[in-house]
Amino acid sequence: MWIRKCDKDEKTGNHLPIPCQMISNEEIKPVPQTETDKRVEQIILDSAERYSKKLGIDRRTFLRTTGGMACAFLALNKVFGKFYDVDEVEIYEPAATEEKLPKGVFIFDNQTHFCQDGMKTNLRAMPFLKDIGAPIIGNSTEDYNFRTYIKEVFFDSDTTMALLSGIPSRADIDYWGKPGNKQNILPVDMAVSVRNQVNQMAGSQRMLVHGLIAPNHYRDFSKVAEEMEREAKVLKVDSWKHYTHIPLNDQPWRYDDEKVAYPFWEKSLQLGINITCVHKGLADTARTESFAHPRDIKKAALDFPQMNFVIYHSGMRHGYRGFNSGGGADAVKADSERLGGVQWTRDLCKDRDENPKMTNVYPEIGSVFAMCVGDPVMMAHLLGSLMKSFGADHIIWGTDCLWWGSPQWIIQAMHRFQMPEEMQKKWGYPPITKRDKEMIFGLNAARLYKIDVKAQRKAIPQDYMTRYKAAYIDSGRLRDNRYYGWVAD
């Protein structure tokens, strides 16, 4: 049975600071908790019961505090070893967390989502789920709307800027070419309007937005080019977002297809947009799975050195943590421990290692990093292989929230993560430094999008979004520990 994690938590009363279970962003099948997940969860619950009594507060309130967050990372260390930099004093002293975590870090989330207000969706990624036999389950219109987005991303986390993403689609047909389009969670015109309104309201640049036209939207490229011009010149989108395995008009496609994709890159450069973001990996579908593999990036990147290719989810295969892995989570983890890296991402890294000129390719870690928070061994393989092949200056921060709730727990995981020396020696993974994390969190993406970080550091502390957040915090609000993605119950 599929159930939203927040609904499951309401039933059990276990509102944890980290989810302790693989959450689906609706592009993959959720799977039941592993035994290790259950062990971590029980340690958190037992510890929280003990700590909350000492502090004179109820357990749920404790788990919403910085002490509750520290409790979760201590539990992970108890199970996996000291992967996270956390001390028990943080349980009782919020100031200890404030002192430990760096201040003023520029955090630019390159993958965020919400649904248009009032939209009663079934599942947000119907084109992916049609092929895997997912049940039709209703979503809450309230949990996925703009108000929740602002609260979770900007008020309940340290996120500085966000890129609002969506699913490329046409207004006149659905994902399978049938008349009408009722599945679009956030049409590009609406997304652009939100970006403009938020930036105007804040008095600074807080949001960017994706253009949502793809080469396979029309068989006649002149129509594709016409929409590209509208989105670039009229809407002024900041970059493109693509899913090569969405078979619109029954046409999945490849980034290195000289007939389908290359005219798009040429037109994009003419329009002054030199960034394209593509979903790779995490495609739990039978018919179009091969089109989600990042094997088509190398040729496109080498043939178009002026374009920058941001690879969402770092191309990580949808086998990790037990879903459709051809052997289960243990087999996938064993593969990483035998070969290093993670499936499919390893292929992308190999292409980069063999092609020094692929400096225009940037792996992004939305969703996949969050999936690995509860298994830091896999996190080390993911980050370590990316840093080894691409360098910390080419990894892009993203979270895929709202599906994961507020991204604060994911942000804290990155702040606290440490690369074990034994994995550095065995696999040649570099240590991850404070400067590396600053680049990953936002400086790399700022460089791509030509954002003046120094100017932003001056503007943002004075803007209205900061004032709204301060008022929100002063009112005594705490993070809800709500996760809006799906789990197997």
Protein backbone atom coordinates (compact mmCIF):
# COMPACT_ATOMS: atom_id res chain seq x y z
CA MET A 1 0.00 0.00 0.00
CA TRP A 2 1.20 3.50 -0.85
CA ILE A 3 0.70 6.22 1.74
CA ARG A 4 2.12 9.71 2.17
CA LYS A 5 4.81 9.71 4.84
CA CYS A 6 3.10 12.56 6.72
CA ASP A 7 -0.16 10.57 6.82
CA LYS A 8 1.64 7.48 8.07
CA ASP A 9 3.28 9.57 10.79
CA GLU A 10 -0.11 10.90 11.89
CA LYS A 11 -1.23 7.29 12.36
CA THR A 12 1.86 6.20 14.30
CA GLY A 13 2.71 9.44 16.08
CA ASN A 14 6.32 9.12 14.92
CA HIS A 15 7.14 12.57 13.52
CA LEU A 16 10.90 12.18 13.17
CA PRO A 17 13.45 14.85 12.13
CA ILE A 18 14.63 12.52 9.35
CA PRO A 19 12.23 10.11 7.61
CA CYS A 20 13.99 6.77 8.40
CA GLN A 21 12.43 5.28 5.28
CA MET A 22 12.90 5.67 1.56
CA ILE A 23 10.42 8.28 0.33
CA SER A 24 9.26 8.28 -3.27
CA ASN A 25 9.04 11.55 -5.16
CA GLU A 26 6.52 9.64 -7.33
CA GLU A 27 9.07 8.83 -10.00
CA ILE A 28 9.94 5.50 -8.37
CA LYS A 29 8.17 2.85 -6.34
CA PRO A 30 8.36 3.26 -2.56
CA VAL A 31 9.45 0.20 -0.62
CA PRO A 32 8.93 -0.96 2.96
CA GLN A 33 11.31 0.09 5.71
CA THR A 34 14.50 -1.92 5.88
CA GLU A 35 15.52 -3.54 9.14
CA THR A 36 18.31 -0.98 9.45
CA ASP A 37 15.79 1.85 8.96
CA LYS A 38 13.67 0.39 11.73
CA ARG A 39 16.67 0.13 14.03
CA VAL A 40 17.61 3.79 13.50
CA GLU A 41 14.00 4.85 14.01
CA GLN A 42 13.70 2.96 17.28
CA ILE A 43 16.93 4.46 18.62
CA ILE A 44 15.62 7.95 17.81
CA LEU A 45 12.27 7.26 19.48
CA ASP A 46 13.83 5.76 22.61
CA SER A 47 16.38 8.56 22.90
CA ALA A 48 13.75 11.23 22.29
CA GLU A 49 11.57 9.80 25.04
CA ARG A 50 14.47 9.99 27.47
CA TYR A 51 15.74 13.42 26.43
CA SER A 52 12.29 15.03 26.28
CA LYS A 53 11.53 13.96 29.87
CA LYS A 54 14.78 15.52 31.06
CA LEU A 55 13.89 18.73 29.24
CA GLY A 56 10.31 18.74 30.53
CA ILE A 57 8.63 18.74 27.11
CA ASP A 58 6.66 16.15 25.17
CA ARG A 59 8.43 13.92 22.66
CA ARG A 60 6.87 15.41 19.54
CA THR A 61 7.88 18.94 20.52
CA PHE A 62 11.41 17.76 21.29
CA LEU A 63 11.73 16.12 17.86
CA ARG A 64 10.90 19.45 16.20
CA THR A 65 13.81 21.24 17.91
CA THR A 66 17.49 21.45 17.00
CA GLY A 67 18.05 18.96 19.81
CA GLY A 68 15.69 16.53 18.11
CA MET A 69 17.62 16.91 14.86
CA ALA A 70 20.89 16.22 16.70
CA CYS A 71 19.28 13.16 18.28
CA ALA A 72 18.56 11.75 14.81
CA PHE A 73 22.14 12.17 13.59
CA LEU A 74 23.48 10.63 16.80
CA ALA A 75 21.27 7.60 16.11
CA LEU A 76 22.66 7.28 12.58
CA ASN A 77 26.21 7.43 13.94
CA LYS A 78 25.37 4.71 16.46
CA VAL A 79 24.28 2.39 13.65
CA PHE A 80 26.72 3.31 10.87
CA GLY A 81 29.74 4.86 12.59
CA LYS A 82 30.75 8.50 12.88
CA PHE A 83 29.69 9.83 9.48
CA TYR A 84 28.00 12.93 10.93
CA ASP A 85 29.65 15.64 13.02
CA VAL A 86 27.26 15.87 15.97
CA ASP A 87 27.69 16.03 19.75
CA GLU A 88 25.32 15.05 22.55
CA VAL A 89 25.55 18.53 24.08
CA GLU A 90 23.43 19.73 21.14
CA ILE A 91 20.51 17.79 22.60
CA TYR A 92 20.29 20.23 25.49
CA GLU A 93 21.94 23.38 24.17
CA PRO A 94 20.63 24.97 20.94
CA ALA A 95 23.62 27.30 21.13
CA ALA A 96 25.90 24.30 20.59
CA THR A 97 24.26 23.63 17.24
CA GLU A 98 24.46 27.30 16.35
CA GLU A 99 28.16 27.25 17.12
CA LYS A 100 28.85 24.03 15.22
CA LEU A 101 26.99 24.77 11.98
CA PRO A 102 28.43 27.48 9.69
CA LYS A 103 26.53 30.74 9.41
CA GLY A 104 25.66 32.77 6.35
CA VAL A 105 26.13 29.95 3.84
CA PHE A 106 24.67 30.78 0.42
CA ILE A 107 22.27 27.89 -0.24
CA PHE A 108 20.77 27.77 -3.73
CA ASP A 109 18.33 24.87 -4.12
CA ASN A 110 18.28 23.95 -7.81
CA GLN A 111 15.33 21.57 -7.66
CA THR A 112 12.10 22.57 -5.92
CA HIS A 113 8.45 21.91 -6.69
CA PHE A 114 4.91 22.80 -5.75
CA CYS A 115 1.52 22.34 -7.42
CA GLN A 116 -0.79 25.06 -8.64
CA ASP A 117 -3.35 26.05 -6.01
CA GLY A 118 -6.59 24.11 -6.11
CA MET A 119 -5.22 21.36 -8.32
CA LYS A 120 -6.54 17.99 -7.22
CA THR A 121 -3.81 15.69 -8.49
CA ASN A 122 -3.79 11.95 -8.32
CA LEU A 123 -0.05 11.45 -8.47
CA ARG A 124 2.17 14.23 -9.72
CA ALA A 125 4.23 12.13 -12.12
CA MET A 126 1.59 10.16 -13.96
CA PRO A 127 3.77 9.70 -17.07
CA PHE A 128 6.31 7.81 -14.98
CA LEU A 129 3.85 5.82 -12.92
CA LYS A 130 1.63 4.61 -15.74
CA ASP A 131 4.25 2.03 -16.66
CA ILE A 132 4.79 0.66 -13.15
CA GLY A 133 1.18 0.02 -12.20
CA ALA A 134 1.01 2.58 -9.41
CA PRO A 135 -2.30 2.90 -7.57
CA ILE A 136 -4.35 6.05 -8.07
CA ILE A 137 -4.21 7.92 -4.78
CA GLY A 138 -5.45 11.42 -4.11
CA ASN A 139 -3.05 14.12 -2.94
CA SER A 140 -3.90 16.99 -0.63
CA THR A 141 -4.26 20.29 -2.46
CA GLU A 142 -3.12 22.14 0.66
CA ASP A 143 0.14 20.30 1.26
CA TYR A 144 1.55 20.91 -2.21
CA ASN A 145 0.55 24.53 -2.76
CA PHE A 146 2.46 27.80 -2.85
CA ARG A 147 1.86 28.69 0.81
CA THR A 148 3.31 25.38 1.98
CA TYR A 149 6.23 25.83 -0.41
CA ILE A 150 7.21 29.21 1.04
CA LYS A 151 6.87 27.92 4.60
CA GLU A 152 8.87 24.72 4.11
CA VAL A 153 11.58 26.00 1.76
CA PHE A 154 12.19 29.56 2.94
CA PHE A 155 10.85 29.77 6.53
CA ASP A 156 11.67 26.29 7.90
CA SER A 157 15.07 25.94 6.22
CA ASP A 158 18.24 27.91 5.58
CA THR A 159 17.63 28.01 1.82
CA THR A 160 18.66 31.35 0.32
CA MET A 161 17.46 30.97 -3.26
CA ALA A 162 15.42 28.36 -5.12
CA LEU A 163 14.93 27.25 -8.70
CA LEU A 164 11.28 26.38 -9.32
CA SER A 165 11.03 23.33 -11.53
CA GLY A 166 8.22 21.53 -13.30
CA ILE A 167 7.39 18.85 -15.83
CA PRO A 168 7.69 19.81 -19.53
CA SER A 169 4.26 19.62 -21.10
CA ARG A 170 1.97 21.17 -23.67
CA ALA A 171 -1.24 23.01 -23.00
CA ASP A 172 -3.24 21.20 -25.69
CA ILE A 173 -2.37 17.51 -25.13
CA ASP A 174 -1.50 15.24 -22.24
CA TYR A 175 1.68 13.22 -21.80
CA TRP A 176 0.48 10.52 -24.18
CA GLY A 177 -0.68 12.83 -26.96
CA LYS A 178 -4.39 12.79 -26.13
CA PRO A 179 -6.41 16.04 -26.25
CA GLY A 180 -6.36 18.11 -23.08
CA ASN A 181 -3.73 18.41 -20.39
CA LYS A 182 -5.00 17.98 -16.85
CA GLN A 183 -1.83 16.60 -15.34
CA ASN A 184 0.38 19.69 -15.46
CA ILE A 185 1.25 20.43 -11.85
CA LEU A 186 2.56 23.92 -12.64
CA PRO A 187 2.40 25.35 -16.19
CA VAL A 188 5.36 27.47 -17.21
CA ASP A 189 3.37 30.73 -17.36
CA MET A 190 2.19 30.21 -13.81
CA ALA A 191 5.68 29.27 -12.60
CA VAL A 192 7.13 32.42 -14.16
CA SER A 193 4.41 34.51 -12.54
CA VAL A 194 5.29 33.00 -9.15
CA ARG A 195 8.99 33.72 -9.66
CA ASN A 196 8.26 37.33 -10.54
CA GLN A 197 5.84 37.84 -7.66
CA VAL A 198 8.17 36.30 -5.07
CA ASN A 199 11.14 38.37 -6.22
CA GLN A 200 9.02 41.52 -6.25
CA MET A 201 7.57 40.74 -2.83
CA ALA A 202 10.98 39.94 -1.35
CA GLY A 203 12.68 42.94 -2.87
CA SER A 204 15.58 40.72 -3.98
CA GLN A 205 16.21 37.78 -6.29
CA ARG A 206 15.01 34.72 -4.41
CA MET A 207 13.69 32.53 -7.21
CA LEU A 208 14.56 31.35 -10.71
CA VAL A 209 12.40 29.21 -12.98
CA HIS A 210 12.72 26.53 -15.62
CA GLY A 211 11.44 26.74 -19.16
CA LEU A 212 9.34 23.68 -19.93
CA ILE A 213 9.47 23.17 -23.69
CA ALA A 214 11.14 19.98 -24.92
CA PRO A 215 12.26 18.91 -28.41
CA ASN A 216 9.71 16.08 -28.57
CA HIS A 217 6.70 18.30 -27.89
CA TYR A 218 6.08 18.77 -31.60
CA ARG A 219 7.17 16.74 -34.59
CA ASP A 220 7.63 20.03 -36.44
CA PHE A 221 10.64 21.79 -34.88
CA SER A 222 9.42 25.20 -36.03
CA LYS A 223 6.67 24.91 -33.40
CA VAL A 224 9.24 23.96 -30.76
CA ALA A 225 11.36 26.96 -31.76
CA GLU A 226 8.33 29.25 -31.56
CA GLU A 227 7.60 28.20 -27.97
CA MET A 228 11.29 28.46 -27.08
CA GLU A 229 11.27 32.07 -28.26
CA ARG A 230 8.15 32.84 -26.22
CA GLU A 231 9.55 31.32 -23.05
CA ALA A 232 12.97 32.92 -23.52
CA LYS A 233 11.98 36.39 -24.74
CA VAL A 234 8.56 36.95 -23.18
CA LEU A 235 8.66 34.84 -20.02
CA LYS A 236 12.43 35.16 -19.59
CA VAL A 237 12.95 31.68 -18.17
CA ASP A 238 16.35 31.03 -16.63
CA SER A 239 17.13 27.56 -18.02
CA TRP A 240 15.41 24.48 -19.46
CA LYS A 241 14.14 21.33 -17.72
CA HIS A 242 13.79 18.03 -19.58
CA TYR A 243 12.82 14.41 -19.01
CA THR A 244 14.16 12.41 -21.94
CA HIS A 245 12.20 9.32 -20.95
CA ILE A 246 8.78 11.03 -21.03
CA PRO A 247 7.39 9.66 -24.32
CA LEU A 248 5.31 12.67 -25.33
CA ASN A 249 3.76 11.83 -28.72
CA ASP A 250 5.21 8.37 -28.04
CA GLN A 251 8.69 9.81 -28.53
CA PRO A 252 11.25 9.43 -25.76
CA TRP A 253 14.48 11.04 -26.90
CA ARG A 254 18.20 11.45 -26.28
CA TYR A 255 20.34 14.49 -25.60
CA ASP A 256 22.79 13.40 -28.29
CA ASP A 257 20.18 12.89 -31.02
CA GLU A 258 21.46 15.10 -33.83
CA LYS A 259 18.03 15.37 -35.47
CA VAL A 260 15.86 15.88 -32.38
CA ALA A 261 18.06 17.53 -29.74
CA TYR A 262 20.79 19.39 -31.61
CA PRO A 263 18.46 21.95 -33.22
CA PHE A 264 17.22 22.70 -29.69
CA TRP A 265 20.73 23.38 -28.38
CA GLU A 266 21.53 25.58 -31.36
CA LYS A 267 18.33 27.58 -30.92
CA SER A 268 18.87 27.84 -27.16
CA LEU A 269 22.31 29.36 -27.60
CA GLN A 270 20.90 31.82 -30.13
CA LEU A 271 18.35 32.86 -27.50
CA GLY A 272 21.04 33.34 -24.87
CA ILE A 273 20.11 30.38 -22.67
CA ASN A 274 23.11 28.15 -22.10
CA ILE A 275 21.87 25.94 -19.23
CA THR A 276 19.75 22.83 -19.62
CA CYS A 277 18.74 20.56 -16.75
CA VAL A 278 17.76 16.96 -17.40
CA HIS A 279 16.27 14.27 -15.21
CA LYS A 280 18.52 11.22 -15.37
CA GLY A 281 18.22 8.06 -13.31
CA LEU A 282 15.26 7.45 -10.97
CA ALA A 283 13.03 6.14 -13.74
CA ASP A 284 11.20 3.11 -12.48
CA THR A 285 9.56 2.41 -15.83
CA ALA A 286 9.87 -0.59 -18.11
CA ARG A 287 9.28 0.89 -21.55
CA THR A 288 11.48 4.00 -21.43
CA GLU A 289 14.07 3.15 -18.78
CA SER A 290 17.00 3.20 -21.19
CA PHE A 291 16.29 6.83 -22.08
CA ALA A 292 16.85 7.83 -18.44
CA HIS A 293 20.44 6.54 -18.46
CA PRO A 294 23.03 9.36 -18.70
CA ARG A 295 24.90 7.70 -21.58
CA ASP A 296 23.66 10.40 -23.99
CA ILE A 297 25.29 13.29 -22.10
CA LYS A 298 28.91 12.83 -23.22
CA LYS A 299 28.46 13.43 -26.95
CA ALA A 300 26.03 16.32 -26.48
CA ALA A 301 28.36 18.03 -23.99
CA LEU A 302 31.40 17.61 -26.22
CA ASP A 303 29.54 18.77 -29.34
CA PHE A 304 28.09 21.82 -27.56
CA PRO A 305 30.81 23.15 -25.23
CA GLN A 306 28.93 26.46 -24.83
CA MET A 307 25.93 24.69 -23.29
CA ASN A 308 26.00 23.68 -19.63
CA PHE A 309 24.37 20.34 -18.83
CA VAL A 310 23.03 19.90 -15.28
CA ILE A 311 22.29 16.23 -14.62
CA TYR A 312 19.48 15.96 -12.09
CA HIS A 313 19.75 13.13 -9.55
CA SER A 314 23.33 12.66 -10.82
CA GLY A 315 21.92 9.96 -13.09
CA MET A 316 21.64 7.53 -10.16
CA ARG A 317 19.83 4.35 -11.09
CA HIS A 318 16.51 3.58 -9.47
CA GLY A 319 17.80 0.42 -7.82
CA TYR A 320 19.03 1.82 -4.53
CA ARG A 321 17.17 0.98 -1.32
CA GLY A 322 15.31 -1.93 -2.81
CA PHE A 323 13.05 -0.76 -5.63
CA ASN A 324 13.27 -2.74 -8.88
CA SER A 325 16.97 -3.31 -8.38
CA GLY A 326 17.23 -6.80 -9.77
CA GLY A 327 18.38 -8.16 -6.44
CA GLY A 328 17.19 -5.66 -3.90
CA ALA A 329 18.86 -2.98 -1.83
CA ASP A 330 21.53 -5.36 -0.53
CA ALA A 331 22.60 -6.23 -4.08
CA VAL A 332 22.86 -2.57 -5.05
CA LYS A 333 24.84 -1.69 -1.96
CA ALA A 334 27.09 -4.70 -2.53
CA ASP A 335 27.68 -3.41 -6.05
CA SER A 336 28.83 -0.06 -4.63
CA GLU A 337 31.05 -1.71 -2.04
CA ARG A 338 32.59 -3.91 -4.75
CA LEU A 339 33.08 -1.28 -7.47
CA GLY A 340 32.77 2.09 -5.73
CA GLY A 341 30.32 4.81 -6.74
CA VAL A 342 26.68 4.00 -7.49
CA GLN A 343 24.97 2.47 -10.51
CA TRP A 344 24.55 4.70 -13.59
CA THR A 345 26.23 7.61 -11.80
CA ARG A 346 29.37 5.51 -12.10
CA ASP A 347 28.94 5.54 -15.90
CA LEU A 348 28.61 9.31 -15.92
CA CYS A 349 31.76 9.59 -13.81
CA LYS A 350 33.62 7.25 -16.17
CA ASP A 351 32.66 9.45 -19.15
CA ARG A 352 33.99 12.48 -17.29
CA ASP A 353 37.23 10.72 -16.34
CA GLU A 354 37.86 9.75 -19.96
CA ASN A 355 36.95 13.16 -21.39
CA PRO A 356 38.76 16.09 -19.74
CA LYS A 357 36.86 18.54 -21.94
CA MET A 358 33.52 17.64 -20.32
CA THR A 359 33.82 20.63 -18.00
CA ASN A 360 30.31 21.76 -18.97
CA VAL A 361 28.59 18.85 -17.16
CA TYR A 362 27.33 19.35 -13.60
CA PRO A 363 25.81 16.51 -11.53
CA GLU A 364 22.93 17.64 -9.29
CA ILE A 365 22.03 15.68 -6.15
CA GLY A 366 18.31 16.33 -5.63
CA SER A 367 16.42 13.40 -4.06
CA VAL A 368 19.40 11.03 -4.30
CA PHE A 369 21.29 12.82 -1.53
CA ALA A 370 18.16 12.77 0.64
CA MET A 371 17.73 9.05 -0.05
CA CYS A 372 21.27 8.46 1.23
CA VAL A 373 20.99 10.47 4.47
CA GLY A 374 19.67 7.35 6.19
CA ASP A 375 22.53 5.26 4.77
CA PRO A 376 25.69 7.39 4.93
CA VAL A 377 27.81 4.60 3.44
CA MET A 378 25.93 5.07 0.18
CA MET A 379 26.15 8.84 0.64
CA ALA A 380 29.93 8.50 0.79
CA HIS A 381 29.94 6.48 -2.44
CA LEU A 382 27.69 9.02 -4.17
CA LEU A 383 29.49 12.18 -3.08
CA GLY A 384 32.93 10.61 -3.14
CA SER A 385 32.65 9.40 -6.73
CA LEU A 386 31.22 12.73 -7.92
CA MET A 387 33.95 14.73 -6.19
CA LYS A 388 36.65 12.41 -7.49
CA SER A 389 35.50 12.63 -11.13
CA PHE A 390 33.88 16.07 -11.43
CA GLY A 391 35.35 18.00 -8.51
CA ALA A 392 33.46 19.78 -5.73
CA ASP A 393 33.28 22.84 -8.00
CA HIS A 394 30.92 21.02 -10.40
CA ILE A 395 28.34 19.48 -8.04
CA ILE A 396 24.99 21.28 -7.84
CA TRP A 397 22.79 21.42 -4.73
CA GLY A 398 19.15 20.42 -5.06
CA THR A 399 16.62 18.71 -2.80
CA ASP A 400 13.45 17.96 -4.83
CA CYS A 401 11.35 19.47 -2.05
CA LEU A 402 8.36 19.76 -1.37
CA TRP A 403 8.27 16.00 -1.77
CA TRP A 404 10.77 15.62 1.08
CA GLY A 405 9.11 18.25 3.26
CA SER A 406 11.30 21.08 4.50
CA PRO A 407 14.87 20.61 3.20
CA GLN A 408 16.44 21.61 6.53
CA TRP A 409 17.27 18.03 7.55
CA ILE A 410 18.94 17.50 4.16
CA ILE A 411 20.89 20.74 4.57
CA GLN A 412 22.03 19.70 8.04
CA ALA A 413 23.10 16.30 6.72
CA MET A 414 25.41 17.99 4.22
CA HIS A 415 26.81 20.34 6.86
CA ARG A 416 27.54 17.43 9.18
CA PHE A 417 28.70 14.74 6.73
CA GLN A 418 32.32 13.60 6.94
CA MET A 419 34.12 11.36 4.43
CA PRO A 420 35.57 8.39 6.35
CA GLU A 421 39.33 8.02 6.03
CA GLU A 422 39.04 4.32 5.22
CA MET A 423 36.83 5.10 2.21
CA GLN A 424 39.25 7.80 1.11
CA LYS A 425 42.08 5.26 1.17
CA LYS A 426 40.14 2.42 -0.45
CA TRP A 427 38.41 4.35 -3.24
CA GLY A 428 40.46 7.49 -3.62
CA TYR A 429 37.55 9.67 -2.55
CA PRO A 430 38.70 13.13 -1.48
CA PRO A 431 37.84 14.53 1.96
CA ILE A 432 34.94 16.95 1.89
CA THR A 433 35.87 20.34 3.34
CA LYS A 434 33.87 23.32 4.50
CA ARG A 435 34.83 25.11 1.28
CA ASP A 436 33.70 22.12 -0.80
CA LYS A 437 30.31 22.28 0.89
CA GLU A 438 30.00 26.01 0.25
CA MET A 439 30.61 25.42 -3.45
CA ILE A 440 28.11 22.57 -3.59
CA PHE A 441 25.46 24.44 -1.57
CA GLY A 442 25.31 27.40 -3.91
CA LEU A 443 28.47 28.91 -5.31
CA ASN A 444 28.63 26.50 -8.24
CA ALA A 445 25.07 27.19 -9.36
CA ALA A 446 25.54 30.92 -8.77
CA ARG A 447 28.47 30.81 -11.18
CA LEU A 448 26.35 29.03 -13.79
CA TYR A 449 23.43 31.44 -13.49
CA LYS A 450 25.70 34.50 -13.19
CA ILE A 451 24.40 35.42 -9.75
CA ASP A 452 26.45 37.96 -7.82
CA VAL A 453 26.74 36.22 -4.45
CA LYS A 454 28.33 39.21 -2.74
CA ALA A 455 25.44 41.41 -3.82
CA GLN A 456 22.98 38.75 -2.67
CA ARG A 457 24.63 38.54 0.74
CA LYS A 458 24.01 42.26 1.14
CA ALA A 459 20.46 42.31 -0.22
CA ILE A 460 18.91 39.21 1.34
CA PRO A 461 19.39 40.05 5.06
CA GLN A 462 17.48 43.27 4.42
CA ASP A 463 14.72 41.94 2.18
CA TYR A 464 11.10 41.28 3.06
CA MET A 465 11.42 37.49 2.89
CA THR A 466 13.96 37.68 5.71
CA ARG A 467 11.58 39.89 7.70
CA TYR A 468 8.67 37.50 7.13
CA LYS A 469 10.85 34.59 8.26
CA ALA A 470 11.92 36.47 11.39
CA ALA A 471 8.30 37.15 12.28
CA TYR A 472 7.46 33.49 11.68
CA ILE A 473 10.25 32.34 14.02
CA ASP A 474 9.37 34.96 16.64
CA SER A 475 5.84 33.58 16.70
CA GLY A 476 7.26 30.35 18.12
CA ARG A 477 6.73 28.16 15.08
CA LEU A 478 8.83 24.99 14.76
CA ARG A 479 9.50 22.73 11.81
CA ASP A 480 6.63 20.26 11.37
CA ASN A 481 8.67 17.19 10.35
CA ARG A 482 6.16 16.54 7.57
CA TYR A 483 7.26 14.59 4.49
CA TYR A 484 4.89 14.84 1.54
CA GLY A 485 6.29 12.04 -0.62
CA TRP A 486 5.10 8.45 -0.63
CA VAL A 487 6.18 5.38 1.34
CA ALA A 488 5.14 1.74 1.37
CA ASP A 489 3.09 0.90 4.43
